[in-house]
Amino acid sequence: FALEVVNRMLRMEAVQKEVLDKVEQTLRIEFMSNLSHTSRRDAH
């Protein structure tokens, strides 16, 4: 999977602002907003 990502990064062209905004919004809603609830610190 990582190698596929590297190949995509090598072929990546300019990203439209609308696409970038959509990715940011998805990250904010699905990942960052839940980060404080999911990343509980190990007790040890």
All heavy atoms as atom14 arrays in JSON, in Angstrom:
{
  "sequence": "FALEVVNRMLRMEAVQKEVLDKVEQTLRIEFMSNLSHTSRRDAH",
  "atom14_mask": [
    [1, 1, 1, 1, 1, 1, 1, 1, 1, 1, 1, 0, 0, 0],
    [1, 1, 1, 1, 1, 0, 0, 0, 0, 0, 0, 0, 0, 0],
    [1, 1, 1, 1, 1, 1, 1, 1, 0, 0, 0, 0, 0, 0],
    [1, 1, 1, 1, 1, 1, 1, 1, 1, 0, 0, 0, 0, 0],
    [1, 1, 1, 1, 1, 1, 1, 0, 0, 0, 0, 0, 0, 0],
    [1, 1, 1, 1, 1, 1, 1, 0, 0, 0, 0, 0, 0, 0],
    [1, 1, 1, 1, 1, 1, 1, 1, 0, 0, 0, 0, 0, 0],
    [1, 1, 1, 1, 1, 1, 1, 1, 1, 1, 1, 0, 0, 0],
    [1, 1, 1, 1, 1, 1, 1, 1, 0, 0, 0, 0, 0, 0],
    [1, 1, 1, 1, 1, 1, 1, 1, 0, 0, 0, 0, 0, 0],
    [1, 1, 1, 1, 1, 1, 1, 1, 1, 1, 1, 0, 0, 0],
    [1, 1, 1, 1, 1, 1, 1, 1, 0, 0, 0, 0, 0, 0],
    [1, 1, 1, 1, 1, 1, 1, 1, 1, 0, 0, 0, 0, 0],
    [1, 1, 1, 1, 1, 0, 0, 0, 0, 0, 0, 0, 0, 0],
    [1, 1, 1, 1, 1, 1, 1, 0, 0, 0, 0, 0, 0, 0],
    [1, 1, 1, 1, 1, 1, 1, 1, 1, 0, 0, 0, 0, 0],
    [1, 1, 1, 1, 1, 1, 1, 1, 1, 0, 0, 0, 0, 0],
    [1, 1, 1, 1, 1, 1, 1, 1, 1, 0, 0, 0, 0, 0],
    [1, 1, 1, 1, 1, 1, 1, 0, 0, 0, 0, 0, 0, 0],
    [1, 1, 1, 1, 1, 1, 1, 1, 0, 0, 0, 0, 0, 0],
    [1, 1, 1, 1, 1, 1, 1, 1, 0, 0, 0, 0, 0, 0],
    [1, 1, 1, 1, 1, 1, 1, 1, 1, 0, 0, 0, 0, 0],
    [1, 1, 1, 1, 1, 1, 1, 0, 0, 0, 0, 0, 0, 0],
    [1, 1, 1, 1, 1, 1, 1, 1, 1, 0, 0, 0, 0, 0],
    [1, 1, 1, 1, 1, 1, 1, 1, 1, 0, 0, 0, 0, 0],
    [1, 1, 1, 1, 1, 1, 1, 0, 0, 0, 0, 0, 0, 0],
    [1, 1, 1, 1, 1, 1, 1, 1, 0, 0, 0, 0, 0, 0],
    [1, 1, 1, 1, 1, 1, 1, 1, 1, 1, 1, 0, 0, 0],
    [1, 1, 1, 1, 1, 1, 1, 1, 0, 0, 0, 0, 0, 0],
    [1, 1, 1, 1, 1, 1, 1, 1, 1, 0, 0, 0, 0, 0],
    [1, 1, 1, 1, 1, 1, 1, 1, 1, 1, 1, 0, 0, 0],
    [1, 1, 1, 1, 1, 1, 1, 1, 0, 0, 0, 0, 0, 0],
    [1, 1, 1, 1, 1, 1, 0, 0, 0, 0, 0, 0, 0, 0],
    [1, 1, 1, 1, 1, 1, 1, 1, 0, 0, 0, 0, 0, 0],
    [1, 1, 1, 1, 1, 1, 1, 1, 0, 0, 0, 0, 0, 0],
    [1, 1, 1, 1, 1, 1, 0, 0, 0, 0, 0, 0, 0, 0],
    [1, 1, 1, 1, 1, 1, 1, 1, 1, 1, 0, 0, 0, 0],
    [1, 1, 1, 1, 1, 1, 1, 0, 0, 0, 0, 0, 0, 0],
    [1, 1, 1, 1, 1, 1, 0, 0, 0, 0, 0, 0, 0, 0],
    [1, 1, 1, 1, 1, 1, 1, 1, 1, 1, 1, 0, 0, 0],
    [1, 1, 1, 1, 1, 1, 1, 1, 1, 1, 1, 0, 0, 0],
    [1, 1, 1, 1, 1, 1, 1, 1, 0, 0, 0, 0, 0, 0],
    [1, 1, 1, 1, 1, 0, 0, 0, 0, 0, 0, 0, 0, 0],
    [1, 1, 1, 1, 1, 1, 1, 1, 1, 1, 0, 0, 0, 0]
  ],
  "atom14_positions": [
    [[0.84, -1.2, 0.0], [0.0, 0.0, 0.0], [0.88, 1.26, 0.0], [0.62, 2.22, -0.73], [-0.92, -0.02, 1.23], [-1.88, 1.14, 1.31], [-3.02, 1.17, 0.54], [-1.63, 2.21, 2.17], [-3.91, 2.24, 0.61], [-2.51, 3.28, 2.25], [-3.65, 3.29, 1.47], [0.0, 0.0, 0.0], [0.0, 0.0, 0.0], [0.0, 0.0, 0.0]],
    [[1.94, 1.25, 0.81], [2.83, 2.4, 0.9], [3.5, 2.67, -0.44], [3.67, 3.83, -0.85], [3.87, 2.18, 1.98], [0.0, 0.0, 0.0], [0.0, 0.0, 0.0], [0.0, 0.0, 0.0], [0.0, 0.0, 0.0], [0.0, 0.0, 0.0], [0.0, 0.0, 0.0], [0.0, 0.0, 0.0], [0.0, 0.0, 0.0], [0.0, 0.0, 0.0]],
    [[3.9, 1.6, -1.16], [4.54, 1.77, -2.46], [3.57, 2.39, -3.46], [3.97, 3.24, -4.28], [5.03, 0.42, -2.96], [5.87, 0.44, -4.25], [7.09, 1.34, -4.09], [6.28, -0.97, -4.65], [0.0, 0.0, 0.0], [0.0, 0.0, 0.0], [0.0, 0.0, 0.0], [0.0, 0.0, 0.0], [0.0, 0.0, 0.0], [0.0, 0.0, 0.0]],
    [[2.32, 1.97, -3.41], [1.3, 2.56, -4.28], [1.13, 4.05, -3.98], [0.99, 4.88, -4.9], [-0.02, 1.82, -4.11], [-1.19, 2.39, -4.92], [-0.95, 2.28, -6.42], [-0.14, 1.43, -6.85], [-1.59, 3.06, -7.16], [0.0, 0.0, 0.0], [0.0, 0.0, 0.0], [0.0, 0.0, 0.0], [0.0, 0.0, 0.0], [0.0, 0.0, 0.0]],
    [[1.16, 4.4, -2.71], [1.05, 5.8, -2.31], [2.24, 6.6, -2.85], [2.07, 7.72, -3.37], [0.99, 5.93, -0.77], [1.11, 7.39, -0.34], [-0.31, 5.33, -0.24], [0.0, 0.0, 0.0], [0.0, 0.0, 0.0], [0.0, 0.0, 0.0], [0.0, 0.0, 0.0], [0.0, 0.0, 0.0], [0.0, 0.0, 0.0], [0.0, 0.0, 0.0]],
    [[3.43, 6.03, -2.75], [4.63, 6.71, -3.26], [4.49, 6.96, -4.76], [4.79, 8.06, -5.26], [5.89, 5.86, -2.98], [7.1, 6.43, -3.73], [6.18, 5.84, -1.48], [0.0, 0.0, 0.0], [0.0, 0.0, 0.0], [0.0, 0.0, 0.0], [0.0, 0.0, 0.0], [0.0, 0.0, 0.0], [0.0, 0.0, 0.0], [0.0, 0.0, 0.0]],
    [[4.02, 5.96, -5.51], [3.83, 6.13, -6.95], [2.8, 7.2, -7.27], [2.98, 7.99, -8.21], [3.42, 4.8, -7.59], [4.57, 3.81, -7.68], [5.71, 4.22, -7.94], [4.3, 2.53, -7.47], [0.0, 0.0, 0.0], [0.0, 0.0, 0.0], [0.0, 0.0, 0.0], [0.0, 0.0, 0.0], [0.0, 0.0, 0.0], [0.0, 0.0, 0.0]],
    [[1.73, 7.25, -6.47], [0.72, 8.29, -6.68], [1.3, 9.68, -6.4], [0.98, 10.65, -7.09], [-0.49, 8.04, -5.77], [-1.24, 6.74, -6.03], [-1.93, 6.73, -7.38], [-2.66, 5.5, -7.61], [-3.98, 5.37, -7.46], [-4.71, 6.42, -7.12], [-4.58, 4.22, -7.69], [0.0, 0.0, 0.0], [0.0, 0.0, 0.0], [0.0, 0.0, 0.0]],
    [[2.14, 9.78, -5.37], [2.76, 11.06, -5.04], [3.69, 11.52, -6.16], [3.77, 12.71, -6.48], [3.52, 10.96, -3.72], [2.62, 10.77, -2.5], [3.55, 10.53, -0.96], [4.16, 12.21, -0.68], [0.0, 0.0, 0.0], [0.0, 0.0, 0.0], [0.0, 0.0, 0.0], [0.0, 0.0, 0.0], [0.0, 0.0, 0.0], [0.0, 0.0, 0.0]],
    [[4.39, 10.56, -6.8], [5.31, 10.9, -7.89], [4.56, 11.41, -9.11], [5.07, 12.25, -9.87], [6.15, 9.67, -8.27], [7.19, 9.25, -7.23], [7.81, 7.91, -7.62], [8.28, 10.31, -7.1], [0.0, 0.0, 0.0], [0.0, 0.0, 0.0], [0.0, 0.0, 0.0], [0.0, 0.0, 0.0], [0.0, 0.0, 0.0], [0.0, 0.0, 0.0]],
    [[3.34, 10.89, -9.31], [2.56, 11.29, -10.49], [1.56, 12.4, -10.19], [0.8, 12.81, -11.07], [1.79, 10.07, -11.03], [2.69, 8.92, -11.49], [1.9, 7.92, -12.32], [0.79, 7.34, -11.59], [0.88, 6.2, -10.9], [2.04, 5.54, -10.84], [-0.17, 5.72, -10.27], [0.0, 0.0, 0.0], [0.0, 0.0, 0.0], [0.0, 0.0, 0.0]],
    [[1.57, 12.88, -8.97], [0.55, 13.85, -8.56], [0.73, 15.19, -9.26], [1.84, 15.72, -9.37], [0.6, 14.06, -7.04], [-0.51, 14.97, -6.51], [-0.43, 15.1, -4.71], [-0.85, 13.42, -4.26], [0.0, 0.0, 0.0], [0.0, 0.0, 0.0], [0.0, 0.0, 0.0], [0.0, 0.0, 0.0], [0.0, 0.0, 0.0], [0.0, 0.0, 0.0]],
    [[-0.39, 15.73, -9.75], [-0.4, 17.04, -10.38], [-1.07, 18.03, -9.43], [-1.44, 17.69, -8.31], [-1.13, 16.97, -11.72], [-0.47, 16.02, -12.72], [-1.22, 15.96, -14.02], [-2.3, 16.58, -14.12], [-0.74, 15.27, -14.95], [0.0, 0.0, 0.0], [0.0, 0.0, 0.0], [0.0, 0.0, 0.0], [0.0, 0.0, 0.0], [0.0, 0.0, 0.0]],
    [[-1.22, 19.26, -9.91], [-1.86, 20.29, -9.08], [-3.28, 19.85, -8.7], [-4.04, 19.36, -9.54], [-1.89, 21.62, -9.82], [0.0, 0.0, 0.0], [0.0, 0.0, 0.0], [0.0, 0.0, 0.0], [0.0, 0.0, 0.0], [0.0, 0.0, 0.0], [0.0, 0.0, 0.0], [0.0, 0.0, 0.0], [0.0, 0.0, 0.0], [0.0, 0.0, 0.0]],
    [[-3.6, 20.01, -7.42], [-4.91, 19.59, -6.92], [-5.85, 20.79, -6.87], [-5.48, 21.86, -6.4], [-4.77, 18.98, -5.5], [-6.13, 18.52, -4.98], [-3.79, 17.82, -5.52], [0.0, 0.0, 0.0], [0.0, 0.0, 0.0], [0.0, 0.0, 0.0], [0.0, 0.0, 0.0], [0.0, 0.0, 0.0], [0.0, 0.0, 0.0], [0.0, 0.0, 0.0]],
    [[-7.05, 20.58, -7.4], [-8.03, 21.67, -7.39], [-8.41, 22.04, -5.96], [-8.47, 21.17, -5.08], [-9.29, 21.25, -8.15], [-9.08, 21.04, -9.64], [-10.36, 20.66, -10.34], [-11.35, 20.31, -9.71], [-10.33, 20.72, -11.67], [0.0, 0.0, 0.0], [0.0, 0.0, 0.0], [0.0, 0.0, 0.0], [0.0, 0.0, 0.0], [0.0, 0.0, 0.0]],
    [[-8.68, 23.32, -5.74], [-8.99, 23.8, -4.4], [-10.22, 23.11, -3.83], [-10.29, 22.81, -2.65], [-9.21, 25.31, -4.43], [-9.41, 25.92, -3.04], [-9.57, 27.41, -3.12], [-9.67, 28.03, -1.72], [-10.76, 27.47, -0.91], [0.0, 0.0, 0.0], [0.0, 0.0, 0.0], [0.0, 0.0, 0.0], [0.0, 0.0, 0.0], [0.0, 0.0, 0.0]],
    [[-11.21, 22.84, -4.7], [-12.44, 22.2, -4.22], [-12.15, 20.81, -3.66], [-12.71, 20.4, -2.64], [-13.47, 22.1, -5.37], [-14.01, 23.42, -5.87], [-13.03, 24.16, -6.76], [-12.0, 23.54, -7.17], [-13.27, 25.35, -7.03], [0.0, 0.0, 0.0], [0.0, 0.0, 0.0], [0.0, 0.0, 0.0], [0.0, 0.0, 0.0], [0.0, 0.0, 0.0]],
    [[-11.26, 20.07, -4.34], [-10.9, 18.73, -3.88], [-10.15, 18.81, -2.56], [-10.42, 18.04, -1.62], [-10.03, 18.01, -4.94], [-9.55, 16.66, -4.42], [-10.81, 17.84, -6.24], [0.0, 0.0, 0.0], [0.0, 0.0, 0.0], [0.0, 0.0, 0.0], [0.0, 0.0, 0.0], [0.0, 0.0, 0.0], [0.0, 0.0, 0.0], [0.0, 0.0, 0.0]],
    [[-9.22, 19.76, -2.46], [-8.44, 19.93, -1.24], [-9.35, 20.3, -0.07], [-9.2, 19.77, 1.03], [-7.39, 21.02, -1.45], [-6.28, 21.11, -0.41], [-5.49, 19.82, -0.32], [-5.35, 22.28, -0.74], [0.0, 0.0, 0.0], [0.0, 0.0, 0.0], [0.0, 0.0, 0.0], [0.0, 0.0, 0.0], [0.0, 0.0, 0.0], [0.0, 0.0, 0.0]],
    [[-10.29, 21.2, -0.32], [-11.23, 21.61, 0.73], [-12.06, 20.43, 1.21], [-12.35, 20.3, 2.4], [-12.14, 22.73, 0.23], [-11.41, 24.05, 0.06], [-10.3, 24.18, 0.61], [-11.94, 24.94, -0.62], [0.0, 0.0, 0.0], [0.0, 0.0, 0.0], [0.0, 0.0, 0.0], [0.0, 0.0, 0.0], [0.0, 0.0, 0.0], [0.0, 0.0, 0.0]],
    [[-12.47, 19.57, 0.26], [-13.3, 18.42, 0.62], [-12.51, 17.43, 1.48], [-13.03, 16.88, 2.46], [-13.8, 17.73, -0.64], [-14.81, 16.62, -0.36], [-15.4, 16.06, -1.64], [-16.44, 14.98, -1.32], [-17.03, 14.43, -2.57], [0.0, 0.0, 0.0], [0.0, 0.0, 0.0], [0.0, 0.0, 0.0], [0.0, 0.0, 0.0], [0.0, 0.0, 0.0]],
    [[-11.23, 17.22, 1.12], [-10.39, 16.32, 1.92], [-10.19, 16.89, 3.32], [-10.27, 16.16, 4.32], [-9.02, 16.1, 1.22], [-8.08, 15.34, 2.14], [-9.21, 15.34, -0.08], [0.0, 0.0, 0.0], [0.0, 0.0, 0.0], [0.0, 0.0, 0.0], [0.0, 0.0, 0.0], [0.0, 0.0, 0.0], [0.0, 0.0, 0.0], [0.0, 0.0, 0.0]],
    [[-9.94, 18.2, 3.4], [-9.77, 18.84, 4.71], [-11.02, 18.67, 5.56], [-10.93, 18.35, 6.75], [-9.49, 20.33, 4.53], [-8.04, 20.65, 4.19], [-7.74, 22.12, 4.36], [-7.94, 22.64, 5.48], [-7.31, 22.76, 3.39], [0.0, 0.0, 0.0], [0.0, 0.0, 0.0], [0.0, 0.0, 0.0], [0.0, 0.0, 0.0], [0.0, 0.0, 0.0]],
    [[-12.18, 18.89, 4.95], [-13.43, 18.78, 5.7], [-13.65, 17.35, 6.19], [-14.07, 17.14, 7.34], [-14.6, 19.22, 4.82], [-15.94, 19.22, 5.55], [-17.07, 19.67, 4.64], [-16.93, 19.71, 3.42], [-18.2, 20.02, 5.22], [0.0, 0.0, 0.0], [0.0, 0.0, 0.0], [0.0, 0.0, 0.0], [0.0, 0.0, 0.0], [0.0, 0.0, 0.0]],
    [[-13.33, 16.38, 5.34], [-13.5, 14.98, 5.74], [-12.57, 14.63, 6.9], [-12.97, 13.96, 7.87], [-13.2, 14.04, 4.55], [-14.08, 14.37, 3.48], [-13.39, 12.59, 4.94], [0.0, 0.0, 0.0], [0.0, 0.0, 0.0], [0.0, 0.0, 0.0], [0.0, 0.0, 0.0], [0.0, 0.0, 0.0], [0.0, 0.0, 0.0], [0.0, 0.0, 0.0]],
    [[-11.32, 15.09, 6.81], [-10.37, 14.85, 7.9], [-10.84, 15.48, 9.2], [-10.71, 14.9, 10.27], [-9.0, 15.39, 7.52], [-8.21, 14.58, 6.47], [-7.04, 15.4, 5.96], [-7.74, 13.27, 7.05], [0.0, 0.0, 0.0], [0.0, 0.0, 0.0], [0.0, 0.0, 0.0], [0.0, 0.0, 0.0], [0.0, 0.0, 0.0], [0.0, 0.0, 0.0]],
    [[-11.37, 16.69, 9.08], [-11.82, 17.41, 10.28], [-12.98, 16.68, 10.95], [-13.02, 16.51, 12.18], [-12.24, 18.83, 9.91], [-12.58, 19.7, 11.11], [-13.04, 21.08, 10.67], [-12.05, 21.74, 9.85], [-10.99, 22.38, 10.32], [-10.78, 22.43, 11.62], [-10.13, 22.96, 9.52], [0.0, 0.0, 0.0], [0.0, 0.0, 0.0], [0.0, 0.0, 0.0]],
    [[-13.93, 16.21, 10.15], [-15.14, 15.6, 10.69], [-14.89, 14.17, 11.14], [-15.27, 13.76, 12.24], [-16.28, 15.63, 9.65], [-16.69, 17.09, 9.37], [-17.48, 14.83, 10.14], [-17.67, 17.23, 8.23], [0.0, 0.0, 0.0], [0.0, 0.0, 0.0], [0.0, 0.0, 0.0], [0.0, 0.0, 0.0], [0.0, 0.0, 0.0], [0.0, 0.0, 0.0]],
    [[-14.22, 13.37, 10.29], [-14.09, 11.95, 10.56], [-12.89, 11.59, 11.44], [-12.89, 10.55, 12.09], [-13.98, 11.18, 9.24], [-15.24, 11.23, 8.38], [-15.11, 10.37, 7.15], [-14.07, 9.71, 6.99], [-16.05, 10.34, 6.35], [0.0, 0.0, 0.0], [0.0, 0.0, 0.0], [0.0, 0.0, 0.0], [0.0, 0.0, 0.0], [0.0, 0.0, 0.0]],
    [[-11.85, 12.43, 11.41], [-10.62, 12.05, 12.11], [-10.31, 12.97, 13.28], [-10.3, 12.55, 14.43], [-9.45, 12.03, 11.13], [-8.14, 11.66, 11.76], [-7.97, 10.46, 12.4], [-7.07, 12.55, 11.72], [-6.76, 10.11, 12.99], [-5.86, 12.22, 12.3], [-5.7, 11.0, 12.92], [0.0, 0.0, 0.0], [0.0, 0.0, 0.0], [0.0, 0.0, 0.0]],
    [[-10.1, 14.25, 13.01], [-9.64, 15.16, 14.05], [-10.66, 15.33, 15.16], [-10.31, 15.41, 16.34], [-9.29, 16.53, 13.45], [-8.13, 16.49, 12.48], [-6.58, 15.94, 13.21], [-6.18, 17.35, 14.23], [0.0, 0.0, 0.0], [0.0, 0.0, 0.0], [0.0, 0.0, 0.0], [0.0, 0.0, 0.0], [0.0, 0.0, 0.0], [0.0, 0.0, 0.0]],
    [[-11.95, 15.4, 14.81], [-12.98, 15.63, 15.82], [-13.1, 14.45, 16.78], [-13.56, 14.59, 17.9], [-14.33, 15.91, 15.16], [-14.75, 14.8, 14.4], [0.0, 0.0, 0.0], [0.0, 0.0, 0.0], [0.0, 0.0, 0.0], [0.0, 0.0, 0.0], [0.0, 0.0, 0.0], [0.0, 0.0, 0.0], [0.0, 0.0, 0.0], [0.0, 0.0, 0.0]],
    [[-12.69, 13.26, 16.31], [-12.78, 12.07, 17.17], [-11.44, 11.69, 17.79], [-11.36, 10.73, 18.54], [-13.28, 10.87, 16.34], [-14.69, 11.09, 15.84], [-15.53, 11.6, 16.56], [-14.95, 10.7, 14.6], [0.0, 0.0, 0.0], [0.0, 0.0, 0.0], [0.0, 0.0, 0.0], [0.0, 0.0, 0.0], [0.0, 0.0, 0.0], [0.0, 0.0, 0.0]],
    [[-10.39, 12.47, 17.49], [-9.06, 12.1, 17.94], [-8.96, 12.06, 19.45], [-8.38, 11.14, 20.03], [-8.03, 13.07, 17.37], [-6.56, 12.74, 17.66], [-6.2, 11.39, 17.08], [-5.66, 13.82, 17.09], [0.0, 0.0, 0.0], [0.0, 0.0, 0.0], [0.0, 0.0, 0.0], [0.0, 0.0, 0.0], [0.0, 0.0, 0.0], [0.0, 0.0, 0.0]],
    [[-9.54, 13.07, 20.12], [-9.43, 13.14, 21.58], [-10.16, 12.0, 22.26], [-9.83, 11.63, 23.38], [-10.0, 14.48, 22.09], [-11.36, 14.59, 21.75], [0.0, 0.0, 0.0], [0.0, 0.0, 0.0], [0.0, 0.0, 0.0], [0.0, 0.0, 0.0], [0.0, 0.0, 0.0], [0.0, 0.0, 0.0], [0.0, 0.0, 0.0], [0.0, 0.0, 0.0]],
    [[-11.15, 11.39, 21.56], [-11.91, 10.3, 22.16], [-11.27, 8.94, 21.87], [-11.45, 7.99, 22.61], [-13.34, 10.3, 21.63], [-14.06, 11.58, 21.87], [-14.4, 12.03, 23.13], [-14.48, 12.55, 21.01], [-15.02, 13.2, 23.04], [-15.07, 13.54, 21.77], [0.0, 0.0, 0.0], [0.0, 0.0, 0.0], [0.0, 0.0, 0.0], [0.0, 0.0, 0.0]],
    [[-10.5, 8.85, 20.76], [-9.98, 7.56, 20.34], [-8.55, 7.31, 20.79], [-8.13, 6.18, 20.92], [-10.04, 7.42, 18.82], [-9.3, 8.5, 18.22], [-11.47, 7.48, 18.33], [0.0, 0.0, 0.0], [0.0, 0.0, 0.0], [0.0, 0.0, 0.0], [0.0, 0.0, 0.0], [0.0, 0.0, 0.0], [0.0, 0.0, 0.0], [0.0, 0.0, 0.0]],
    [[-7.8, 8.39, 21.0], [-6.38, 8.2, 21.33], [-6.16, 8.3, 22.84], [-5.55, 9.22, 23.34], [-5.52, 9.25, 20.61], [-5.95, 10.55, 20.92], [0.0, 0.0, 0.0], [0.0, 0.0, 0.0], [0.0, 0.0, 0.0], [0.0, 0.0, 0.0], [0.0, 0.0, 0.0], [0.0, 0.0, 0.0], [0.0, 0.0, 0.0], [0.0, 0.0, 0.0]],
    [[-6.7, 7.34, 23.56], [-6.52, 7.31, 24.99], [-5.09, 6.91, 25.34], [-4.54, 5.97, 24.77], [-7.5, 6.32, 25.62], [-7.41, 6.28, 27.13], [-8.33, 5.24, 27.71], [-8.15, 5.13, 29.14], [-8.76, 4.22, 29.88], [-9.57, 3.35, 29.32], [-8.56, 4.18, 31.18], [0.0, 0.0, 0.0], [0.0, 0.0, 0.0], [0.0, 0.0, 0.0]],
    [[-4.51, 7.59, 26.28], [-3.13, 7.33, 26.64], [-3.01, 6.03, 27.42], [-3.84, 5.72, 28.26], [-2.6, 8.49, 27.47], [-1.1, 8.43, 27.69], [-0.65, 9.61, 28.5], [0.79, 9.62, 28.64], [1.44, 10.44, 29.45], [0.77, 11.32, 30.17], [2.75, 10.41, 29.52], [0.0, 0.0, 0.0], [0.0, 0.0, 0.0], [0.0, 0.0, 0.0]],
    [[-1.98, 5.27, 27.11], [-1.75, 4.01, 27.82], [-1.51, 4.28, 29.3], [-0.75, 5.18, 29.68], [-0.55, 3.31, 27.21], [-0.27, 1.99, 27.9], [-1.03, 1.04, 27.69], [0.7, 1.94, 28.68], [0.0, 0.0, 0.0], [0.0, 0.0, 0.0], [0.0, 0.0, 0.0], [0.0, 0.0, 0.0], [0.0, 0.0, 0.0], [0.0, 0.0, 0.0]],
    [[-2.14, 3.47, 30.15], [-2.05, 3.68, 31.6], [-0.62, 3.51, 32.1], [-0.2, 4.2, 33.02], [-2.99, 2.7, 32.31], [0.0, 0.0, 0.0], [0.0, 0.0, 0.0], [0.0, 0.0, 0.0], [0.0, 0.0, 0.0], [0.0, 0.0, 0.0], [0.0, 0.0, 0.0], [0.0, 0.0, 0.0], [0.0, 0.0, 0.0], [0.0, 0.0, 0.0]],
    [[0.13, 2.61, 31.49], [1.51, 2.41, 31.92], [2.39, 3.62, 31.59], [3.28, 3.97, 32.35], [2.09, 1.14, 31.27], [1.47, -0.12, 31.77], [0.34, -0.67, 31.19], [1.79, -0.94, 32.81], [0.02, -1.77, 31.84], [0.87, -1.96, 32.82], [0.0, 0.0, 0.0], [0.0, 0.0, 0.0], [0.0, 0.0, 0.0], [0.0, 0.0, 0.0]]
  ]
}
